[in-house]
Amino acid sequence: MRFKMDHNEMDDYTFNEPLIIQNESESKFQRGVFPVILSIFYVAASTIMPLFNKKVFLVYPYPVTATLLQVIGATLLLFVINLVYHFFTHKEHSWIFGPNFLKKSLFILPVSVFFAGTIVLTNISVSLVPANIHVLLKTTNIIWIVLLAWLLRKEKPGVLVILSIVGLITGTFLVSFDFASTVKAPVVKIVVNLVSSFCEVIVILTLKWTMGKLTQLDPNISMMEVTLFKLGQSIIFMVPIMYAIERFHGIEVIPTFSTSTTLLVVGGVLLTMFFQSTTVGLAGCAFVTTVGMVIQIQVLPQTLLSIVLFHNFLV
């Protein structure tokens, strides 16, 4: 899917405006069907991701190294896909080593920096608390989305939005209080999860701005190419984070992987590629507040899936 904007829209592009495709039929598809499809894929991937990573961390207790391996594998897969598509198709399209490579790299660099820190922090937070607690605390990102939209866009939230946020804050407090009564050192674990939620919003906002700039530079750029840039660059920043927290201990035990552990790591690579590509696509064609609302939807299916798989609310 290529994202395009009219020239007038390029000049006035803001965080809360979806990207518009120039072709009328494609525009109708992107405005109607495509965001819905991406939303479904996003909810599916984000529902599975914390539960899946929780399984990974139980057998491979190196969340930062596991995250790095997932990102490296997803980057390599996207790179191969991008090359195959470039050399075996004759359609007008953008590719990783096409024109404006340096400019694209510079535009995406802030996203990559924020993403590297956020995905590491997110997986650390998943390793610290039950998956359901992580997902429930993560829903607080809608608070940050509304707050930043108010500060940056001067958009005052309506009464229903305010009531929803009050309810969400109340629910977060109750869940945190209940969790705190069952574990040791709960404050750090809860704070890490809340901070990762805030950082995810920063990534979405930065990505939204970046997508607008990239489509001005190259109207044919695809969500997979943007994802490839984002993941590839983030590896550079994730390596020192891994070394600072886990050294190379996670790398050293790779030769001892069992078949099941290897399959989990490979599955994480595929899931990461799918999830991150969907995130980029959704940020490119939907309003920021819409992305925030889609994120909230994952709570119910994630909780139900957790109960089915683990027969317990706290996994």
C-alpha atoms as a PDB file:
ATOM      1  CA  MET A   1       0.000   0.000   0.000  1.00  0.00           C
ATOM      2  CA  ARG A   2       1.413   3.400  -1.038  1.00  0.00           C
ATOM      3  CA  PHE A   3       0.588   6.564   0.825  1.00  0.00           C
ATOM      4  CA  LYS A   4       0.080   9.799  -1.110  1.00  0.00           C
ATOM      5  CA  MET A   5      -1.023  13.299  -0.218  1.00  0.00           C
ATOM      6  CA  ASP A   6      -2.282  16.217  -2.246  1.00  0.00           C
ATOM      7  CA  HIS A   7       0.149  19.143  -2.397  1.00  0.00           C
ATOM      8  CA  ASN A   8      -2.116  21.422  -0.354  1.00  0.00           C
ATOM      9  CA  GLU A   9      -2.466  18.741   2.311  1.00  0.00           C
ATOM     10  CA  MET A  10       1.293  18.302   2.435  1.00  0.00           C
ATOM     11  CA  ASP A  11       1.776  21.913   3.456  1.00  0.00           C
ATOM     12  CA  ASP A  12      -0.820  21.730   6.222  1.00  0.00           C
ATOM     13  CA  TYR A  13      -0.064  18.200   7.461  1.00  0.00           C
ATOM     14  CA  THR A  14      -0.462  17.670  11.211  1.00  0.00           C
ATOM     15  CA  PHE A  15      -0.347  14.779  13.648  1.00  0.00           C
ATOM     16  CA  ASN A  16      -4.067  14.146  13.515  1.00  0.00           C
ATOM     17  CA  GLU A  17      -4.569  14.022   9.747  1.00  0.00           C
ATOM     18  CA  PRO A  18      -4.608  10.669   7.937  1.00  0.00           C
ATOM     19  CA  LEU A  19      -2.570  10.343   4.786  1.00  0.00           C
ATOM     20  CA  ILE A  20      -4.624  10.626   1.601  1.00  0.00           C
ATOM     21  CA  ILE A  21      -3.994   8.624  -1.548  1.00  0.00           C
ATOM     22  CA  GLN A  22      -4.297  10.613  -4.744  1.00  0.00           C
ATOM     23  CA  ASN A  23      -6.107   8.007  -6.818  1.00  0.00           C
ATOM     24  CA  GLU A  24      -9.854   8.300  -6.086  1.00  0.00           C
ATOM     25  CA  SER A  25     -10.599   4.576  -5.954  1.00  0.00           C
ATOM     26  CA  GLU A  26      -7.543   3.939  -3.791  1.00  0.00           C
ATOM     27  CA  SER A  27      -8.507   6.909  -1.641  1.00  0.00           C
ATOM     28  CA  LYS A  28     -11.946   5.402  -0.916  1.00  0.00           C
ATOM     29  CA  PHE A  29     -10.317   2.075  -0.106  1.00  0.00           C
ATOM     30  CA  GLN A  30      -7.787   3.659   2.243  1.00  0.00           C
ATOM     31  CA  ARG A  31     -10.322   5.862   3.987  1.00  0.00           C
ATOM     32  CA  GLY A  32     -12.838   3.064   4.455  1.00  0.00           C
ATOM     33  CA  VAL A  33     -11.745  -0.547   4.107  1.00  0.00           C
ATOM     34  CA  PHE A  34      -7.969  -0.365   4.577  1.00  0.00           C
ATOM     35  CA  PRO A  35      -7.986   1.233   8.071  1.00  0.00           C
ATOM     36  CA  VAL A  36     -10.546  -1.347   9.214  1.00  0.00           C
ATOM     37  CA  ILE A  37      -8.418  -4.219   7.906  1.00  0.00           C
ATOM     38  CA  LEU A  38      -5.287  -2.779   9.528  1.00  0.00           C
ATOM     39  CA  SER A  39      -7.174  -2.224  12.783  1.00  0.00           C
ATOM     40  CA  ILE A  40      -8.251  -5.880  12.858  1.00  0.00           C
ATOM     41  CA  PHE A  41      -4.703  -7.041  12.117  1.00  0.00           C
ATOM     42  CA  TYR A  42      -3.303  -4.650  14.716  1.00  0.00           C
ATOM     43  CA  VAL A  43      -5.686  -5.826  17.430  1.00  0.00           C
ATOM     44  CA  ALA A  44      -4.919  -9.466  16.580  1.00  0.00           C
ATOM     45  CA  ALA A  45      -1.148  -8.922  16.693  1.00  0.00           C
ATOM     46  CA  SER A  46      -1.166  -6.728  19.800  1.00  0.00           C
ATOM     47  CA  THR A  47      -3.416  -9.255  21.543  1.00  0.00           C
ATOM     48  CA  ILE A  48      -1.047 -12.129  20.873  1.00  0.00           C
ATOM     49  CA  MET A  49       2.253 -10.273  21.314  1.00  0.00           C
ATOM     50  CA  PRO A  50       2.435  -9.900  25.128  1.00  0.00           C
ATOM     51  CA  LEU A  51       1.180 -13.446  25.719  1.00  0.00           C
ATOM     52  CA  PHE A  52       3.635 -14.812  23.189  1.00  0.00           C
ATOM     53  CA  ASN A  53       6.573 -12.861  24.621  1.00  0.00           C
ATOM     54  CA  LYS A  54       5.596 -13.973  28.104  1.00  0.00           C
ATOM     55  CA  LYS A  55       6.023 -17.554  26.909  1.00  0.00           C
ATOM     56  CA  VAL A  56       9.384 -16.664  25.362  1.00  0.00           C
ATOM     57  CA  PHE A  57      10.684 -15.033  28.534  1.00  0.00           C
ATOM     58  CA  LEU A  58       9.746 -18.079  30.623  1.00  0.00           C
ATOM     59  CA  VAL A  59      12.220 -20.239  28.680  1.00  0.00           C
ATOM     60  CA  TYR A  60      14.615 -17.474  27.625  1.00  0.00           C
ATOM     61  CA  PRO A  61      14.879 -14.961  30.511  1.00  0.00           C
ATOM     62  CA  TYR A  62      16.673 -12.273  28.529  1.00  0.00           C
ATOM     63  CA  PRO A  63      13.940  -9.865  27.374  1.00  0.00           C
ATOM     64  CA  VAL A  64      16.305  -7.288  25.865  1.00  0.00           C
ATOM     65  CA  THR A  65      18.288  -9.868  23.899  1.00  0.00           C
ATOM     66  CA  ALA A  66      15.080 -11.583  22.805  1.00  0.00           C
ATOM     67  CA  THR A  67      13.754  -8.237  21.587  1.00  0.00           C
ATOM     68  CA  LEU A  68      16.944  -7.590  19.640  1.00  0.00           C
ATOM     69  CA  LEU A  69      16.791 -11.038  18.009  1.00  0.00           C
ATOM     70  CA  GLN A  70      13.167 -10.455  17.011  1.00  0.00           C
ATOM     71  CA  VAL A  71      13.968  -7.069  15.478  1.00  0.00           C
ATOM     72  CA  ILE A  72      17.055  -8.349  13.628  1.00  0.00           C
ATOM     73  CA  GLY A  73      15.104 -11.281  12.186  1.00  0.00           C
ATOM     74  CA  ALA A  74      12.166  -9.063  11.165  1.00  0.00           C
ATOM     75  CA  THR A  75      14.572  -6.595   9.528  1.00  0.00           C
ATOM     76  CA  LEU A  76      16.230  -9.327   7.474  1.00  0.00           C
ATOM     77  CA  LEU A  77      12.854 -10.689   6.325  1.00  0.00           C
ATOM     78  CA  LEU A  78      11.602  -7.236   5.322  1.00  0.00           C
ATOM     79  CA  PHE A  79      14.879  -6.575   3.509  1.00  0.00           C
ATOM     80  CA  VAL A  80      14.509  -9.758   1.454  1.00  0.00           C
ATOM     81  CA  ILE A  81      10.861  -8.968   0.689  1.00  0.00           C
ATOM     82  CA  ASN A  82      11.782  -5.437  -0.398  1.00  0.00           C
ATOM     83  CA  LEU A  83      14.555  -6.683  -2.700  1.00  0.00           C
ATOM     84  CA  VAL A  84      12.400  -9.431  -4.243  1.00  0.00           C
ATOM     85  CA  TYR A  85       9.570  -6.980  -4.870  1.00  0.00           C
ATOM     86  CA  HIS A  86      11.964  -4.493  -6.464  1.00  0.00           C
ATOM     87  CA  PHE A  87      13.706  -6.891  -8.820  1.00  0.00           C
ATOM     88  CA  PHE A  88      10.699  -9.000  -9.803  1.00  0.00           C
ATOM     89  CA  THR A  89       8.079  -6.314 -10.404  1.00  0.00           C
ATOM     90  CA  HIS A  90       7.914  -3.528 -12.966  1.00  0.00           C
ATOM     91  CA  LYS A  91       5.453  -1.290 -11.156  1.00  0.00           C
ATOM     92  CA  GLU A  92       6.287   2.200 -10.016  1.00  0.00           C
ATOM     93  CA  HIS A  93       7.326   1.869  -6.420  1.00  0.00           C
ATOM     94  CA  SER A  94       9.873   2.925  -3.848  1.00  0.00           C
ATOM     95  CA  TRP A  95      12.538   0.633  -2.426  1.00  0.00           C
ATOM     96  CA  ILE A  96      15.123   0.688   0.332  1.00  0.00           C
ATOM     97  CA  PHE A  97      18.096   1.721  -1.859  1.00  0.00           C
ATOM     98  CA  GLY A  98      16.113   4.004  -4.137  1.00  0.00           C
ATOM     99  CA  PRO A  99      16.429   7.789  -4.476  1.00  0.00           C
ATOM    100  CA  ASN A 100      16.555   9.927  -1.309  1.00  0.00           C
ATOM    101  CA  PHE A 101      17.963   7.087   0.799  1.00  0.00           C
ATOM    102  CA  LEU A 102      19.864   9.484   3.071  1.00  0.00           C
ATOM    103  CA  LYS A 103      16.913  11.857   3.504  1.00  0.00           C
ATOM    104  CA  LYS A 104      14.555   8.979   4.315  1.00  0.00           C
ATOM    105  CA  SER A 105      17.057   7.672   6.854  1.00  0.00           C
ATOM    106  CA  LEU A 106      17.276  11.068   8.555  1.00  0.00           C
ATOM    107  CA  PHE A 107      13.486  11.515   8.637  1.00  0.00           C
ATOM    108  CA  ILE A 108      12.948   8.081  10.202  1.00  0.00           C
ATOM    109  CA  LEU A 109      15.866   8.339  12.646  1.00  0.00           C
ATOM    110  CA  PRO A 110      13.884   9.988  15.508  1.00  0.00           C
ATOM    111  CA  VAL A 111      11.223   7.279  15.238  1.00  0.00           C
ATOM    112  CA  SER A 112      13.908   4.589  15.339  1.00  0.00           C
ATOM    113  CA  VAL A 113      15.512   6.063  18.455  1.00  0.00           C
ATOM    114  CA  PHE A 114      12.202   6.290  20.333  1.00  0.00           C
ATOM    115  CA  PHE A 115      11.126   2.877  19.067  1.00  0.00           C
ATOM    116  CA  ALA A 116      14.353   1.176  20.207  1.00  0.00           C
ATOM    117  CA  GLY A 117      13.915   2.404  23.756  1.00  0.00           C
ATOM    118  CA  THR A 118      10.176   1.774  23.791  1.00  0.00           C
ATOM    119  CA  ILE A 119      10.178  -1.812  22.524  1.00  0.00           C
ATOM    120  CA  VAL A 120      12.944  -2.762  24.971  1.00  0.00           C
ATOM    121  CA  LEU A 121      11.093  -1.094  27.838  1.00  0.00           C
ATOM    122  CA  THR A 122       7.827  -2.720  26.776  1.00  0.00           C
ATOM    123  CA  ASN A 123       9.262  -6.233  26.767  1.00  0.00           C
ATOM    124  CA  ILE A 124      10.991  -5.619  30.089  1.00  0.00           C
ATOM    125  CA  SER A 125       7.618  -4.533  31.487  1.00  0.00           C
ATOM    126  CA  VAL A 126       6.016  -7.701  30.075  1.00  0.00           C
ATOM    127  CA  SER A 127       8.655  -9.787  31.868  1.00  0.00           C
ATOM    128  CA  LEU A 128       7.960  -8.015  35.177  1.00  0.00           C
ATOM    129  CA  VAL A 129       4.188  -8.433  35.462  1.00  0.00           C
ATOM    130  CA  PRO A 130       1.445 -10.826  34.312  1.00  0.00           C
ATOM    131  CA  ALA A 131       0.486 -10.231  30.689  1.00  0.00           C
ATOM    132  CA  ASN A 132      -3.034  -9.109  31.544  1.00  0.00           C
ATOM    133  CA  ILE A 133      -1.762  -6.528  34.022  1.00  0.00           C
ATOM    134  CA  HIS A 134       0.610  -5.246  31.352  1.00  0.00           C
ATOM    135  CA  VAL A 135      -2.202  -4.868  28.820  1.00  0.00           C
ATOM    136  CA  LEU A 136      -4.516  -3.135  31.304  1.00  0.00           C
ATOM    137  CA  LEU A 137      -1.815  -0.672  32.353  1.00  0.00           C
ATOM    138  CA  LYS A 138      -0.927  -0.120  28.709  1.00  0.00           C
ATOM    139  CA  THR A 139      -4.437   1.178  27.999  1.00  0.00           C
ATOM    140  CA  THR A 140      -3.467   4.355  29.865  1.00  0.00           C
ATOM    141  CA  ASN A 141      -1.833   5.525  26.626  1.00  0.00           C
ATOM    142  CA  ILE A 142      -5.205   6.954  25.547  1.00  0.00           C
ATOM    143  CA  ILE A 143      -4.779   9.431  28.419  1.00  0.00           C
ATOM    144  CA  TRP A 144      -1.480  10.622  26.992  1.00  0.00           C
ATOM    145  CA  ILE A 145      -2.927  10.754  23.468  1.00  0.00           C
ATOM    146  CA  VAL A 146      -5.802  13.001  24.555  1.00  0.00           C
ATOM    147  CA  LEU A 147      -3.517  15.149  26.726  1.00  0.00           C
ATOM    148  CA  LEU A 148      -0.918  15.668  23.989  1.00  0.00           C
ATOM    149  CA  ALA A 149      -3.644  16.355  21.413  1.00  0.00           C
ATOM    150  CA  TRP A 150      -4.920  19.062  23.765  1.00  0.00           C
ATOM    151  CA  LEU A 151      -1.464  20.553  24.320  1.00  0.00           C
ATOM    152  CA  LEU A 152      -0.162  20.280  20.755  1.00  0.00           C
ATOM    153  CA  ARG A 153      -3.381  20.697  18.797  1.00  0.00           C
ATOM    154  CA  LYS A 154      -5.439  22.729  21.292  1.00  0.00           C
ATOM    155  CA  GLU A 155      -8.193  20.100  20.969  1.00  0.00           C
ATOM    156  CA  LYS A 156     -10.262  20.134  24.140  1.00  0.00           C
ATOM    157  CA  PRO A 157     -11.686  16.692  25.000  1.00  0.00           C
ATOM    158  CA  GLY A 158     -15.451  16.334  25.276  1.00  0.00           C
ATOM    159  CA  VAL A 159     -17.384  15.349  28.375  1.00  0.00           C
ATOM    160  CA  LEU A 160     -17.631  11.685  27.348  1.00  0.00           C
ATOM    161  CA  VAL A 161     -13.881  11.506  26.710  1.00  0.00           C
ATOM    162  CA  ILE A 162     -13.161  13.036  30.113  1.00  0.00           C
ATOM    163  CA  LEU A 163     -15.543  10.601  31.813  1.00  0.00           C
ATOM    164  CA  SER A 164     -13.901   7.704  29.981  1.00  0.00           C
ATOM    165  CA  ILE A 165     -10.464   8.838  31.138  1.00  0.00           C
ATOM    166  CA  VAL A 166     -11.682   9.194  34.724  1.00  0.00           C
ATOM    167  CA  GLY A 167     -13.044   5.662  34.543  1.00  0.00           C
ATOM    168  CA  LEU A 168      -9.799   4.419  33.046  1.00  0.00           C
ATOM    169  CA  ILE A 169      -7.702   6.079  35.750  1.00  0.00           C
ATOM    170  CA  THR A 170      -9.967   4.586  38.421  1.00  0.00           C
ATOM    171  CA  GLY A 171      -9.679   1.131  36.866  1.00  0.00           C
ATOM    172  CA  THR A 172      -5.900   1.454  36.575  1.00  0.00           C
ATOM    173  CA  PHE A 173      -5.672   2.418  40.238  1.00  0.00           C
ATOM    174  CA  LEU A 174      -7.814  -0.551  41.326  1.00  0.00           C
ATOM    175  CA  VAL A 175      -5.854  -3.005  39.177  1.00  0.00           C
ATOM    176  CA  SER A 176      -2.544  -1.590  40.426  1.00  0.00           C
ATOM    177  CA  PHE A 177      -3.705  -1.750  44.052  1.00  0.00           C
ATOM    178  CA  ASP A 178      -4.814  -5.363  43.680  1.00  0.00           C
ATOM    179  CA  PHE A 179      -1.561  -6.298  41.932  1.00  0.00           C
ATOM    180  CA  ALA A 180       0.521  -4.475  44.556  1.00  0.00           C
ATOM    181  CA  SER A 181      -1.005  -6.617  47.288  1.00  0.00           C
ATOM    182  CA  THR A 182       0.216  -9.844  45.671  1.00  0.00           C
ATOM    183  CA  VAL A 183       3.869  -9.173  44.690  1.00  0.00           C
ATOM    184  CA  LYS A 184       7.087  -7.723  46.057  1.00  0.00           C
ATOM    185  CA  ALA A 185       8.397  -4.325  44.905  1.00  0.00           C
ATOM    186  CA  PRO A 186       5.210  -3.572  42.923  1.00  0.00           C
ATOM    187  CA  VAL A 187       5.836   0.169  42.493  1.00  0.00           C
ATOM    188  CA  VAL A 188       8.803  -0.274  40.157  1.00  0.00           C
ATOM    189  CA  LYS A 189       6.957  -2.849  38.053  1.00  0.00           C
ATOM    190  CA  ILE A 190       3.855  -0.683  37.742  1.00  0.00           C
ATOM    191  CA  VAL A 191       5.862   2.468  36.962  1.00  0.00           C
ATOM    192  CA  VAL A 192       7.875   0.694  34.253  1.00  0.00           C
ATOM    193  CA  ASN A 193       4.625  -0.420  32.588  1.00  0.00           C
ATOM    194  CA  LEU A 194       3.102   3.066  32.777  1.00  0.00           C
ATOM    195  CA  VAL A 195       6.256   4.663  31.363  1.00  0.00           C
ATOM    196  CA  SER A 196       6.306   2.176  28.482  1.00  0.00           C
ATOM    197  CA  SER A 197       2.696   3.148  27.753  1.00  0.00           C
ATOM    198  CA  PHE A 198       3.664   6.822  27.564  1.00  0.00           C
ATOM    199  CA  CYS A 199       6.686   6.061  25.363  1.00  0.00           C
ATOM    200  CA  GLU A 200       4.481   4.142  22.925  1.00  0.00           C
ATOM    201  CA  VAL A 201       2.386   7.291  22.434  1.00  0.00           C
ATOM    202  CA  ILE A 202       5.535   9.295  21.677  1.00  0.00           C
ATOM    203  CA  VAL A 203       6.493   6.720  19.054  1.00  0.00           C
ATOM    204  CA  ILE A 204       3.027   6.893  17.438  1.00  0.00           C
ATOM    205  CA  LEU A 205       3.046  10.700  17.351  1.00  0.00           C
ATOM    206  CA  THR A 206       6.578  10.818  15.957  1.00  0.00           C
ATOM    207  CA  LEU A 207       5.736   8.134  13.403  1.00  0.00           C
ATOM    208  CA  LYS A 208       2.641  10.060  12.315  1.00  0.00           C
ATOM    209  CA  TRP A 209       4.680  13.209  11.693  1.00  0.00           C
ATOM    210  CA  THR A 210       7.393  11.204   9.931  1.00  0.00           C
ATOM    211  CA  MET A 211       4.910   9.511   7.594  1.00  0.00           C
ATOM    212  CA  GLY A 212       3.702  12.931   6.469  1.00  0.00           C
ATOM    213  CA  LYS A 213       7.245  14.054   5.692  1.00  0.00           C
ATOM    214  CA  LEU A 214       8.120  10.816   3.908  1.00  0.00           C
ATOM    215  CA  THR A 215       5.120  10.974   1.594  1.00  0.00           C
ATOM    216  CA  GLN A 216       6.137  14.485   0.602  1.00  0.00           C
ATOM    217  CA  LEU A 217       9.602  13.192  -0.204  1.00  0.00           C
ATOM    218  CA  ASP A 218       8.450   9.971  -1.915  1.00  0.00           C
ATOM    219  CA  PRO A 219       4.700   9.508  -2.569  1.00  0.00           C
ATOM    220  CA  ASN A 220       5.283   5.841  -3.488  1.00  0.00           C
ATOM    221  CA  ILE A 221       6.866   4.795  -0.213  1.00  0.00           C
ATOM    222  CA  SER A 222       5.250   1.693   1.319  1.00  0.00           C
ATOM    223  CA  MET A 223       4.539   0.795   4.928  1.00  0.00           C
ATOM    224  CA  MET A 224       6.936  -2.166   4.689  1.00  0.00           C
ATOM    225  CA  GLU A 225       9.764   0.090   3.527  1.00  0.00           C
ATOM    226  CA  VAL A 226       9.141   2.486   6.409  1.00  0.00           C
ATOM    227  CA  THR A 227       9.053  -0.474   8.802  1.00  0.00           C
ATOM    228  CA  LEU A 228      12.332  -1.750   7.357  1.00  0.00           C
ATOM    229  CA  PHE A 229      14.015   1.607   7.919  1.00  0.00           C
ATOM    230  CA  LYS A 230      12.591   1.849  11.440  1.00  0.00           C
ATOM    231  CA  LEU A 231      13.602  -1.644  12.543  1.00  0.00           C
ATOM    232  CA  GLY A 232      16.998  -1.552  10.822  1.00  0.00           C
ATOM    233  CA  GLN A 233      18.007   1.716  12.422  1.00  0.00           C
ATOM    234  CA  SER A 234      16.691   0.717  15.836  1.00  0.00           C
ATOM    235  CA  ILE A 235      19.127  -2.219  15.970  1.00  0.00           C
ATOM    236  CA  ILE A 236      22.003   0.260  16.240  1.00  0.00           C
ATOM    237  CA  PHE A 237      20.520   1.711  19.424  1.00  0.00           C
ATOM    238  CA  MET A 238      19.313  -1.576  20.889  1.00  0.00           C
ATOM    239  CA  VAL A 239      22.742  -3.235  20.915  1.00  0.00           C
ATOM    240  CA  PRO A 240      24.258  -0.901  23.563  1.00  0.00           C
ATOM    241  CA  ILE A 241      21.041  -1.173  25.617  1.00  0.00           C
ATOM    242  CA  MET A 242      21.328  -4.954  25.518  1.00  0.00           C
ATOM    243  CA  TYR A 243      24.984  -4.842  26.545  1.00  0.00           C
ATOM    244  CA  ALA A 244      24.297  -2.433  29.417  1.00  0.00           C
ATOM    245  CA  ILE A 245      21.488  -4.578  30.865  1.00  0.00           C
ATOM    246  CA  GLU A 246      22.273  -8.192  29.928  1.00  0.00           C
ATOM    247  CA  ARG A 247      25.788  -8.074  28.491  1.00  0.00           C
ATOM    248  CA  PHE A 248      26.128 -10.992  26.038  1.00  0.00           C
ATOM    249  CA  HIS A 249      24.659 -13.621  28.350  1.00  0.00           C
ATOM    250  CA  GLY A 250      21.586 -14.011  26.156  1.00  0.00           C
ATOM    251  CA  ILE A 251      23.746 -14.453  23.057  1.00  0.00           C
ATOM    252  CA  GLU A 252      25.981 -17.024  24.761  1.00  0.00           C
ATOM    253  CA  VAL A 253      23.103 -19.427  25.477  1.00  0.00           C
ATOM    254  CA  ILE A 254      21.742 -19.433  21.909  1.00  0.00           C
ATOM    255  CA  PRO A 255      23.716 -22.597  20.944  1.00  0.00           C
ATOM    256  CA  THR A 256      21.919 -24.430  23.766  1.00  0.00           C
ATOM    257  CA  PHE A 257      18.435 -23.631  22.435  1.00  0.00           C
ATOM    258  CA  SER A 258      16.028 -26.528  22.275  1.00  0.00           C
ATOM    259  CA  THR A 259      13.825 -26.970  19.221  1.00  0.00           C
ATOM    260  CA  SER A 260      10.836 -25.476  21.035  1.00  0.00           C
ATOM    261  CA  THR A 261      12.813 -22.402  22.114  1.00  0.00           C
ATOM    262  CA  THR A 262      14.101 -21.915  18.576  1.00  0.00           C
ATOM    263  CA  LEU A 263      10.568 -22.096  17.223  1.00  0.00           C
ATOM    264  CA  LEU A 264       9.455 -19.515  19.788  1.00  0.00           C
ATOM    265  CA  VAL A 265      12.215 -17.136  18.704  1.00  0.00           C
ATOM    266  CA  VAL A 266      11.378 -17.617  15.014  1.00  0.00           C
ATOM    267  CA  GLY A 267       7.708 -17.108  15.772  1.00  0.00           C
ATOM    268  CA  GLY A 268       8.607 -13.893  17.563  1.00  0.00           C
ATOM    269  CA  VAL A 269      10.420 -12.697  14.453  1.00  0.00           C
ATOM    270  CA  LEU A 270       7.377 -13.268  12.238  1.00  0.00           C
ATOM    271  CA  LEU A 271       5.022 -11.706  14.768  1.00  0.00           C
ATOM    272  CA  THR A 272       7.282  -8.668  15.181  1.00  0.00           C
ATOM    273  CA  MET A 273       7.446  -8.109  11.420  1.00  0.00           C
ATOM    274  CA  PHE A 274       3.664  -8.368  11.104  1.00  0.00           C
ATOM    275  CA  PHE A 275       2.913  -6.236  14.151  1.00  0.00           C
ATOM    276  CA  GLN A 276       5.345  -3.428  13.322  1.00  0.00           C
ATOM    277  CA  SER A 277       4.282  -3.267   9.653  1.00  0.00           C
ATOM    278  CA  THR A 278       0.649  -3.060  10.739  1.00  0.00           C
ATOM    279  CA  THR A 279       1.477  -0.307  13.226  1.00  0.00           C
ATOM    280  CA  VAL A 280       3.186   1.782  10.532  1.00  0.00           C
ATOM    281  CA  GLY A 281       0.297   1.249   8.132  1.00  0.00           C
ATOM    282  CA  LEU A 282      -2.308   2.182  10.732  1.00  0.00           C
ATOM    283  CA  ALA A 283      -0.387   5.308  11.743  1.00  0.00           C
ATOM    284  CA  GLY A 284      -0.201   6.277   8.078  1.00  0.00           C
ATOM    285  CA  CYS A 285      -3.890   6.065   7.237  1.00  0.00           C
ATOM    286  CA  ALA A 286      -5.735   6.791  10.482  1.00  0.00           C
ATOM    287  CA  PHE A 287      -6.069   9.645  12.944  1.00  0.00           C
ATOM    288  CA  VAL A 288      -3.848   9.462  16.026  1.00  0.00           C
ATOM    289  CA  THR A 289      -6.896   9.356  18.278  1.00  0.00           C
ATOM    290  CA  THR A 290      -8.288   6.498  16.165  1.00  0.00           C
ATOM    291  CA  VAL A 291      -5.064   4.553  16.728  1.00  0.00           C
ATOM    292  CA  GLY A 292      -5.468   5.189  20.432  1.00  0.00           C
ATOM    293  CA  MET A 293      -9.020   3.853  20.443  1.00  0.00           C
ATOM    294  CA  VAL A 294      -7.973   0.764  18.468  1.00  0.00           C
ATOM    295  CA  ILE A 295      -5.338   0.059  21.111  1.00  0.00           C
ATOM    296  CA  GLN A 296      -8.062  -0.011  23.774  1.00  0.00           C
ATOM    297  CA  ILE A 297      -9.959  -2.745  21.914  1.00  0.00           C
ATOM    298  CA  GLN A 298      -7.220  -5.303  22.538  1.00  0.00           C
ATOM    299  CA  VAL A 299      -7.997  -5.556  26.267  1.00  0.00           C
ATOM    300  CA  LEU A 300     -11.059  -7.814  25.957  1.00  0.00           C
ATOM    301  CA  PRO A 301      -9.710 -10.363  23.425  1.00  0.00           C
ATOM    302  CA  GLN A 302      -6.344 -10.431  25.192  1.00  0.00           C
ATOM    303  CA  THR A 303      -7.983 -11.152  28.533  1.00  0.00           C
ATOM    304  CA  LEU A 304     -10.236 -13.848  27.066  1.00  0.00           C
ATOM    305  CA  LEU A 305      -7.308 -15.462  25.244  1.00  0.00           C
ATOM    306  CA  SER A 306      -5.275 -15.424  28.427  1.00  0.00           C
ATOM    307  CA  ILE A 307      -8.051 -17.169  30.342  1.00  0.00           C
ATOM    308  CA  VAL A 308      -8.379 -19.803  27.610  1.00  0.00           C
ATOM    309  CA  LEU A 309      -4.626 -20.447  27.396  1.00  0.00           C
ATOM    310  CA  PHE A 310      -3.623 -20.116  31.032  1.00  0.00           C
ATOM    311  CA  HIS A 311      -6.927 -20.743  32.868  1.00  0.00           C
ATOM    312  CA  ASN A 312      -6.136 -17.789  35.086  1.00  0.00           C
ATOM    313  CA  PHE A 313      -6.598 -14.046  34.848  1.00  0.00           C
ATOM    314  CA  LEU A 314      -3.085 -13.411  36.152  1.00  0.00           C
ATOM    315  CA  VAL A 315      -0.627 -15.196  33.848  1.00  0.00           C
END
